[in-house]
N, C-alpha and C. Protein backbone atom coordinates (compact mmCIF):
# COMPACT_ATOMS: atom_id res chain seq x y z
N MET A 1 0.85 -1.16 0.00
CA MET A 1 0.00 0.00 0.00
C MET A 1 0.91 1.24 0.00
N LYS A 2 0.73 2.06 -0.98
CA LYS A 2 1.56 3.26 -1.05
C LYS A 2 1.21 4.21 0.08
N ASN A 3 2.21 4.93 0.55
CA ASN A 3 1.99 5.87 1.66
C ASN A 3 3.10 6.91 1.67
N ASN A 4 2.93 7.90 2.50
CA ASN A 4 3.96 8.94 2.62
C ASN A 4 4.49 9.03 4.05
N ILE A 5 4.56 7.89 4.73
CA ILE A 5 5.06 7.88 6.11
C ILE A 5 6.51 8.35 6.18
N LYS A 6 7.34 7.89 5.26
CA LYS A 6 8.75 8.28 5.28
C LYS A 6 8.88 9.81 5.16
N TYR A 7 8.09 10.39 4.28
CA TYR A 7 8.12 11.84 4.11
C TYR A 7 7.70 12.55 5.40
N LEU A 8 6.61 12.10 6.01
CA LEU A 8 6.14 12.71 7.26
C LEU A 8 7.16 12.53 8.38
N ARG A 9 7.70 11.32 8.48
CA ARG A 9 8.66 11.00 9.54
C ARG A 9 9.90 11.88 9.44
N ARG A 10 10.32 12.18 8.23
CA ARG A 10 11.55 12.96 8.03
C ARG A 10 11.28 14.46 7.89
N SER A 11 10.03 14.87 7.96
CA SER A 11 9.68 16.28 7.81
C SER A 11 10.25 17.10 8.97
N GLN A 12 10.32 18.41 8.79
CA GLN A 12 10.83 19.30 9.83
C GLN A 12 10.03 19.18 11.11
N GLU A 13 8.74 18.97 10.98
CA GLU A 13 7.86 18.90 12.14
C GLU A 13 8.18 17.70 13.04
N PHE A 14 8.56 16.55 12.42
CA PHE A 14 8.79 15.35 13.20
C PHE A 14 10.27 14.95 13.27
N ASP A 15 10.98 14.94 12.16
CA ASP A 15 12.40 14.62 12.09
C ASP A 15 12.75 13.40 12.97
N MET A 16 12.19 12.26 12.62
CA MET A 16 12.36 11.03 13.40
C MET A 16 13.04 9.94 12.60
N THR A 17 13.70 9.06 13.32
CA THR A 17 14.23 7.85 12.70
C THR A 17 13.12 6.80 12.68
N GLN A 18 13.35 5.74 11.94
CA GLN A 18 12.39 4.64 11.93
C GLN A 18 12.26 4.05 13.33
N GLN A 19 13.36 3.95 14.04
CA GLN A 19 13.34 3.40 15.39
C GLN A 19 12.51 4.27 16.34
N GLU A 20 12.67 5.57 16.24
CA GLU A 20 11.89 6.48 17.10
C GLU A 20 10.40 6.37 16.82
N LEU A 21 10.03 6.28 15.54
CA LEU A 21 8.62 6.13 15.20
C LEU A 21 8.10 4.79 15.69
N ALA A 22 8.88 3.75 15.52
CA ALA A 22 8.48 2.42 15.98
C ALA A 22 8.22 2.43 17.49
N GLU A 23 9.10 3.04 18.25
CA GLU A 23 8.93 3.11 19.70
C GLU A 23 7.68 3.91 20.07
N ALA A 24 7.44 5.01 19.36
CA ALA A 24 6.27 5.84 19.63
C ALA A 24 4.97 5.08 19.36
N LEU A 25 4.99 4.18 18.38
CA LEU A 25 3.80 3.43 18.00
C LEU A 25 3.71 2.08 18.70
N GLY A 26 4.78 1.70 19.39
CA GLY A 26 4.78 0.42 20.09
C GLY A 26 4.94 -0.79 19.18
N VAL A 27 5.70 -0.61 18.09
CA VAL A 27 5.95 -1.70 17.15
C VAL A 27 7.46 -1.81 16.92
N SER A 28 7.85 -2.78 16.13
CA SER A 28 9.28 -2.94 15.82
C SER A 28 9.68 -2.03 14.67
N ARG A 29 10.98 -1.79 14.58
CA ARG A 29 11.51 -1.01 13.47
C ARG A 29 11.22 -1.72 12.15
N GLN A 30 11.27 -3.05 12.16
CA GLN A 30 10.98 -3.83 10.95
C GLN A 30 9.55 -3.58 10.47
N THR A 31 8.63 -3.38 11.39
CA THR A 31 7.25 -3.07 11.00
C THR A 31 7.19 -1.75 10.25
N ILE A 32 7.90 -0.74 10.75
CA ILE A 32 7.93 0.57 10.08
C ILE A 32 8.56 0.43 8.70
N ILE A 33 9.66 -0.33 8.61
CA ILE A 33 10.31 -0.55 7.31
C ILE A 33 9.33 -1.19 6.34
N SER A 34 8.62 -2.20 6.78
CA SER A 34 7.66 -2.90 5.92
C SER A 34 6.56 -1.96 5.43
N ILE A 35 6.03 -1.17 6.34
CA ILE A 35 4.95 -0.24 5.97
C ILE A 35 5.48 0.80 4.98
N GLU A 36 6.65 1.37 5.27
CA GLU A 36 7.21 2.37 4.36
C GLU A 36 7.49 1.79 2.98
N ASN A 37 7.79 0.49 2.92
CA ASN A 37 8.07 -0.16 1.64
C ASN A 37 6.80 -0.62 0.92
N GLY A 38 5.64 -0.33 1.51
CA GLY A 38 4.40 -0.58 0.81
C GLY A 38 3.67 -1.86 1.17
N SER A 39 4.14 -2.57 2.20
CA SER A 39 3.42 -3.79 2.61
C SER A 39 2.05 -3.42 3.14
N ASN A 40 1.11 -4.33 2.96
CA ASN A 40 -0.22 -4.11 3.52
C ASN A 40 -0.13 -4.07 5.03
N THR A 41 -0.99 -3.31 5.64
CA THR A 41 -0.99 -3.19 7.09
C THR A 41 -2.43 -3.21 7.60
N SER A 42 -2.58 -3.43 8.87
CA SER A 42 -3.93 -3.53 9.44
C SER A 42 -4.59 -2.16 9.58
N GLY A 43 -5.89 -2.19 9.69
CA GLY A 43 -6.63 -0.95 9.93
C GLY A 43 -6.22 -0.31 11.23
N GLU A 44 -5.94 -1.14 12.23
CA GLU A 44 -5.50 -0.62 13.52
C GLU A 44 -4.19 0.15 13.38
N MET A 45 -3.25 -0.40 12.61
CA MET A 45 -1.96 0.28 12.42
C MET A 45 -2.14 1.56 11.61
N ILE A 46 -3.00 1.52 10.63
CA ILE A 46 -3.28 2.72 9.84
C ILE A 46 -3.78 3.84 10.75
N MET A 47 -4.69 3.49 11.66
CA MET A 47 -5.23 4.49 12.58
C MET A 47 -4.17 4.98 13.57
N LYS A 48 -3.31 4.08 14.05
CA LYS A 48 -2.23 4.48 14.96
C LYS A 48 -1.32 5.51 14.29
N VAL A 49 -0.93 5.21 13.06
CA VAL A 49 -0.05 6.11 12.31
C VAL A 49 -0.75 7.45 12.07
N ALA A 50 -2.00 7.40 11.63
CA ALA A 50 -2.76 8.63 11.35
C ALA A 50 -2.91 9.48 12.60
N ASN A 51 -3.23 8.84 13.72
CA ASN A 51 -3.37 9.58 14.98
C ASN A 51 -2.04 10.17 15.43
N PHE A 52 -0.96 9.41 15.27
CA PHE A 52 0.35 9.93 15.67
C PHE A 52 0.70 11.19 14.90
N PHE A 53 0.50 11.16 13.58
CA PHE A 53 0.83 12.32 12.74
C PHE A 53 -0.29 13.35 12.70
N ASN A 54 -1.41 13.07 13.40
CA ASN A 54 -2.56 13.96 13.45
C ASN A 54 -3.06 14.30 12.03
N LYS A 55 -3.24 13.24 11.24
CA LYS A 55 -3.69 13.39 9.86
C LYS A 55 -4.83 12.41 9.59
N ASP A 56 -5.60 12.72 8.59
CA ASP A 56 -6.61 11.79 8.10
C ASP A 56 -5.85 10.62 7.46
N PRO A 57 -6.25 9.38 7.70
CA PRO A 57 -5.55 8.23 7.09
C PRO A 57 -5.45 8.33 5.57
N ARG A 58 -6.44 8.94 4.94
CA ARG A 58 -6.41 9.07 3.48
C ARG A 58 -5.31 10.01 3.01
N ASP A 59 -4.83 10.87 3.92
CA ASP A 59 -3.73 11.77 3.57
C ASP A 59 -2.38 11.07 3.68
N ILE A 60 -2.36 9.89 4.29
CA ILE A 60 -1.11 9.16 4.48
C ILE A 60 -1.05 7.91 3.61
N PHE A 61 -2.13 7.15 3.61
CA PHE A 61 -2.18 5.89 2.87
C PHE A 61 -3.05 6.07 1.64
N PHE A 62 -2.51 5.75 0.50
CA PHE A 62 -3.25 5.94 -0.74
C PHE A 62 -2.66 5.06 -1.84
N THR A 63 -3.42 4.88 -2.88
CA THR A 63 -2.89 4.24 -4.09
C THR A 63 -3.22 5.15 -5.26
N ASN A 64 -2.31 5.23 -6.18
CA ASN A 64 -2.51 6.09 -7.35
C ASN A 64 -3.70 5.65 -8.17
N THR A 65 -3.92 4.36 -8.29
CA THR A 65 -5.03 3.90 -9.12
C THR A 65 -6.37 4.30 -8.53
N VAL A 66 -6.51 4.21 -7.21
CA VAL A 66 -7.76 4.62 -6.58
C VAL A 66 -7.96 6.11 -6.74
N ALA A 67 -6.93 6.89 -6.47
CA ALA A 67 -7.04 8.34 -6.60
C ALA A 67 -7.36 8.72 -8.04
N HIS A 68 -6.71 8.07 -8.97
CA HIS A 68 -6.94 8.38 -10.38
C HIS A 68 -8.38 8.06 -10.77
N LYS A 69 -8.89 6.92 -10.33
CA LYS A 69 -10.27 6.55 -10.64
C LYS A 69 -11.26 7.52 -10.01
N LEU A 70 -11.00 7.94 -8.78
CA LEU A 70 -11.89 8.89 -8.12
C LEU A 70 -11.90 10.23 -8.85
N GLN A 71 -10.74 10.68 -9.30
CA GLN A 71 -10.67 11.94 -10.03
C GLN A 71 -11.45 11.84 -11.34
N ARG A 72 -11.33 10.70 -12.00
CA ARG A 72 -12.03 10.50 -13.27
C ARG A 72 -13.54 10.51 -13.04
N VAL A 73 -14.00 9.87 -11.98
CA VAL A 73 -15.42 9.83 -11.67
C VAL A 73 -15.93 11.24 -11.35
N LYS A 74 -15.16 12.02 -10.60
CA LYS A 74 -15.56 13.39 -10.28
C LYS A 74 -15.73 14.22 -11.54
N LYS A 75 -14.80 14.07 -12.48
CA LYS A 75 -14.88 14.84 -13.71
C LYS A 75 -16.13 14.46 -14.51
N GLU A 76 -16.46 13.16 -14.52
CA GLU A 76 -17.64 12.72 -15.26
C GLU A 76 -18.91 13.24 -14.63
N VAL A 77 -18.94 13.37 -13.31
CA VAL A 77 -20.13 13.83 -12.61
C VAL A 77 -20.35 15.32 -12.81
N ILE A 78 -19.28 16.05 -12.88
CA ILE A 78 -19.37 17.51 -13.00
C ILE A 78 -19.84 17.89 -14.33
């Protein structure tokens, strides 16, 4: 699942290592690596990450194909 966790984690606001994020979320560093590399993750983990970064999960986890399809549908409706 594509996401922008690495970008958020390394942003000026957070400036964290994978280990620091893992500790904050109560998971292993390997879990963070897997998520950043696009592995599927649970809804619970998605919500933990979203709450930690204080963002809507859709702003963090996304796929280009879904976004592209939604944009196409919006244009057809308008």
